[in-house]
């Protein structure tokens, strides 16, 4: 899957939507909240696995990103856009599966 967007578009969306620092995301991925959300076939949810890839991407210089990493960045921004467009719960967003799921993808909606 290659994105129809330019790398500049992907980069701009990534910088706007992925708002968690690598260490912050890494620490969140260790929590029960992180592990409790998302679809899971192999014991690890898609979002959790994605979060680990996002940490690596965040720690990679833009010029050193691989084609696969650019594709994943486009996938991540698409997921965040779809998920935030659905809107979160009316109450207790802070402790919601909706927020935890987004955080696995590197986006904290409370920031």
C-alpha atoms as a PDB file:
ATOM      1  CA  UNK A   1       0.000   0.000   0.000  1.00  0.00           C
ATOM      2  CA  UNK A   2       1.568   3.227  -1.086  1.00  0.00           C
ATOM      3  CA  UNK A   3      -0.109   6.463  -0.183  1.00  0.00           C
ATOM      4  CA  UNK A   4      -1.371   8.817  -2.868  1.00  0.00           C
ATOM      5  CA  UNK A   5      -0.091  11.688  -0.742  1.00  0.00           C
ATOM      6  CA  UNK A   6       3.304  13.287  -1.134  1.00  0.00           C
ATOM      7  CA  UNK A   7       5.879  12.802   1.569  1.00  0.00           C
ATOM      8  CA  UNK A   8       5.474  16.477   2.463  1.00  0.00           C
ATOM      9  CA  UNK A   9       1.739  15.952   3.033  1.00  0.00           C
ATOM     10  CA  UNK A  10       2.344  12.808   5.081  1.00  0.00           C
ATOM     11  CA  UNK A  11       5.040  14.589   7.127  1.00  0.00           C
ATOM     12  CA  UNK A  12       2.803  17.600   7.846  1.00  0.00           C
ATOM     13  CA  UNK A  13      -0.133  15.406   8.921  1.00  0.00           C
ATOM     14  CA  UNK A  14       2.174  13.222  11.018  1.00  0.00           C
ATOM     15  CA  UNK A  15       3.614  16.270  12.809  1.00  0.00           C
ATOM     16  CA  UNK A  16       0.088  17.597  13.492  1.00  0.00           C
ATOM     17  CA  UNK A  17      -1.537  14.348  14.587  1.00  0.00           C
ATOM     18  CA  UNK A  18       1.148  12.297  16.350  1.00  0.00           C
ATOM     19  CA  UNK A  19       1.409  14.401  19.496  1.00  0.00           C
ATOM     20  CA  UNK A  20       3.057  12.004  21.935  1.00  0.00           C
ATOM     21  CA  UNK A  21       6.802  11.995  22.531  1.00  0.00           C
ATOM     22  CA  UNK A  22       8.620   8.663  21.979  1.00  0.00           C
ATOM     23  CA  UNK A  23       9.265   8.118  25.707  1.00  0.00           C
ATOM     24  CA  UNK A  24       5.680   9.049  26.598  1.00  0.00           C
ATOM     25  CA  UNK A  25       4.303   6.587  24.035  1.00  0.00           C
ATOM     26  CA  UNK A  26       6.743   3.879  25.121  1.00  0.00           C
ATOM     27  CA  UNK A  27       5.641   4.259  28.746  1.00  0.00           C
ATOM     28  CA  UNK A  28       1.958   4.191  27.748  1.00  0.00           C
ATOM     29  CA  UNK A  29       2.472   0.974  25.747  1.00  0.00           C
ATOM     30  CA  UNK A  30       3.579  -0.706  29.002  1.00  0.00           C
ATOM     31  CA  UNK A  31       0.249   0.024  30.726  1.00  0.00           C
ATOM     32  CA  UNK A  32      -2.787  -2.218  31.120  1.00  0.00           C
ATOM     33  CA  UNK A  33      -4.886   0.514  29.492  1.00  0.00           C
ATOM     34  CA  UNK A  34      -2.794   0.284  26.344  1.00  0.00           C
ATOM     35  CA  UNK A  35      -2.924  -3.505  26.250  1.00  0.00           C
ATOM     36  CA  UNK A  36      -6.671  -3.653  26.969  1.00  0.00           C
ATOM     37  CA  UNK A  37      -7.889  -1.990  23.743  1.00  0.00           C
ATOM     38  CA  UNK A  38      -7.946  -2.875  20.079  1.00  0.00           C
ATOM     39  CA  UNK A  39      -8.367  -5.996  18.011  1.00  0.00           C
ATOM     40  CA  UNK A  40      -5.971  -8.789  18.779  1.00  0.00           C
ATOM     41  CA  UNK A  41      -5.212 -12.032  17.021  1.00  0.00           C
ATOM     42  CA  UNK A  42      -1.714 -12.790  18.280  1.00  0.00           C
ATOM     43  CA  UNK A  43      -2.150 -11.433  21.787  1.00  0.00           C
ATOM     44  CA  UNK A  44      -0.993  -7.964  20.741  1.00  0.00           C
ATOM     45  CA  UNK A  45      -3.488  -5.556  19.209  1.00  0.00           C
ATOM     46  CA  UNK A  46      -2.888  -3.882  15.859  1.00  0.00           C
ATOM     47  CA  UNK A  47      -2.696  -0.492  17.596  1.00  0.00           C
ATOM     48  CA  UNK A  48      -0.198  -1.725  20.185  1.00  0.00           C
ATOM     49  CA  UNK A  49       2.079  -3.141  17.485  1.00  0.00           C
ATOM     50  CA  UNK A  50       1.656   0.113  15.569  1.00  0.00           C
ATOM     51  CA  UNK A  51       2.667   2.076  18.673  1.00  0.00           C
ATOM     52  CA  UNK A  52       5.975   0.226  18.841  1.00  0.00           C
ATOM     53  CA  UNK A  53       6.616   1.074  15.169  1.00  0.00           C
ATOM     54  CA  UNK A  54       5.651   4.722  15.800  1.00  0.00           C
ATOM     55  CA  UNK A  55       8.253   5.001  18.586  1.00  0.00           C
ATOM     56  CA  UNK A  56      10.933   3.823  16.127  1.00  0.00           C
ATOM     57  CA  UNK A  57       9.737   6.275  13.468  1.00  0.00           C
ATOM     58  CA  UNK A  58       9.750   9.153  15.975  1.00  0.00           C
ATOM     59  CA  UNK A  59      13.362   8.322  16.790  1.00  0.00           C
ATOM     60  CA  UNK A  60      14.408   8.211  13.117  1.00  0.00           C
ATOM     61  CA  UNK A  61      15.612  11.263  11.205  1.00  0.00           C
ATOM     62  CA  UNK A  62      13.214  12.266   8.430  1.00  0.00           C
ATOM     63  CA  UNK A  63      15.888  11.680   5.763  1.00  0.00           C
ATOM     64  CA  UNK A  64      16.542   8.159   7.060  1.00  0.00           C
ATOM     65  CA  UNK A  65      12.929   6.920   6.977  1.00  0.00           C
ATOM     66  CA  UNK A  66      12.319   3.801   4.882  1.00  0.00           C
ATOM     67  CA  UNK A  67       9.547   3.390   2.304  1.00  0.00           C
ATOM     68  CA  UNK A  68       7.811   1.049   4.765  1.00  0.00           C
ATOM     69  CA  UNK A  69       7.976   3.687   7.498  1.00  0.00           C
ATOM     70  CA  UNK A  70       6.487   6.339   5.191  1.00  0.00           C
ATOM     71  CA  UNK A  71       3.633   3.932   4.355  1.00  0.00           C
ATOM     72  CA  UNK A  72       3.061   3.292   8.056  1.00  0.00           C
ATOM     73  CA  UNK A  73       3.027   7.035   8.771  1.00  0.00           C
ATOM     74  CA  UNK A  74       0.286   7.473   6.146  1.00  0.00           C
ATOM     75  CA  UNK A  75      -1.670   4.596   7.719  1.00  0.00           C
ATOM     76  CA  UNK A  76      -1.285   6.118  11.205  1.00  0.00           C
ATOM     77  CA  UNK A  77      -2.529   9.562  10.154  1.00  0.00           C
ATOM     78  CA  UNK A  78      -5.483   7.992   8.349  1.00  0.00           C
ATOM     79  CA  UNK A  79      -6.410   5.986  11.445  1.00  0.00           C
ATOM     80  CA  UNK A  80      -6.143   9.020  13.748  1.00  0.00           C
ATOM     81  CA  UNK A  81      -8.294  11.128  11.405  1.00  0.00           C
ATOM     82  CA  UNK A  82     -11.019   8.457  11.136  1.00  0.00           C
ATOM     83  CA  UNK A  83     -11.011   7.731  14.855  1.00  0.00           C
ATOM     84  CA  UNK A  84     -11.140  11.382  15.959  1.00  0.00           C
ATOM     85  CA  UNK A  85     -13.891  12.123  13.408  1.00  0.00           C
ATOM     86  CA  UNK A  86     -16.081   9.521  15.143  1.00  0.00           C
ATOM     87  CA  UNK A  87     -15.803  11.583  18.297  1.00  0.00           C
ATOM     88  CA  UNK A  88     -15.159  10.314  21.769  1.00  0.00           C
ATOM     89  CA  UNK A  89     -17.473   9.534  24.653  1.00  0.00           C
ATOM     90  CA  UNK A  90     -19.564  12.294  26.221  1.00  0.00           C
ATOM     91  CA  UNK A  91     -18.183  11.561  29.672  1.00  0.00           C
ATOM     92  CA  UNK A  92     -14.832  10.576  31.132  1.00  0.00           C
ATOM     93  CA  UNK A  93     -12.793  10.837  27.947  1.00  0.00           C
ATOM     94  CA  UNK A  94      -9.641  10.579  30.061  1.00  0.00           C
ATOM     95  CA  UNK A  95     -10.374   6.953  31.026  1.00  0.00           C
ATOM     96  CA  UNK A  96     -12.046   5.843  27.782  1.00  0.00           C
ATOM     97  CA  UNK A  97     -11.113   3.012  25.448  1.00  0.00           C
ATOM     98  CA  UNK A  98     -11.478   5.598  22.653  1.00  0.00           C
ATOM     99  CA  UNK A  99      -8.616   7.666  24.106  1.00  0.00           C
ATOM    100  CA  UNK A 100      -6.466   4.627  24.932  1.00  0.00           C
ATOM    101  CA  UNK A 101      -6.873   3.329  21.404  1.00  0.00           C
ATOM    102  CA  UNK A 102      -5.807   6.676  19.921  1.00  0.00           C
ATOM    103  CA  UNK A 103      -2.858   6.837  22.291  1.00  0.00           C
ATOM    104  CA  UNK A 104      -1.638   3.453  20.997  1.00  0.00           C
ATOM    105  CA  UNK A 105      -1.437   5.219  17.625  1.00  0.00           C
ATOM    106  CA  UNK A 106       0.571   8.128  19.110  1.00  0.00           C
ATOM    107  CA  UNK A 107      -2.286  10.634  19.501  1.00  0.00           C
ATOM    108  CA  UNK A 108      -3.570  11.854  22.870  1.00  0.00           C
ATOM    109  CA  UNK A 109      -6.892  13.634  22.206  1.00  0.00           C
ATOM    110  CA  UNK A 110      -6.610  15.504  25.515  1.00  0.00           C
ATOM    111  CA  UNK A 111      -3.498  17.405  24.399  1.00  0.00           C
END
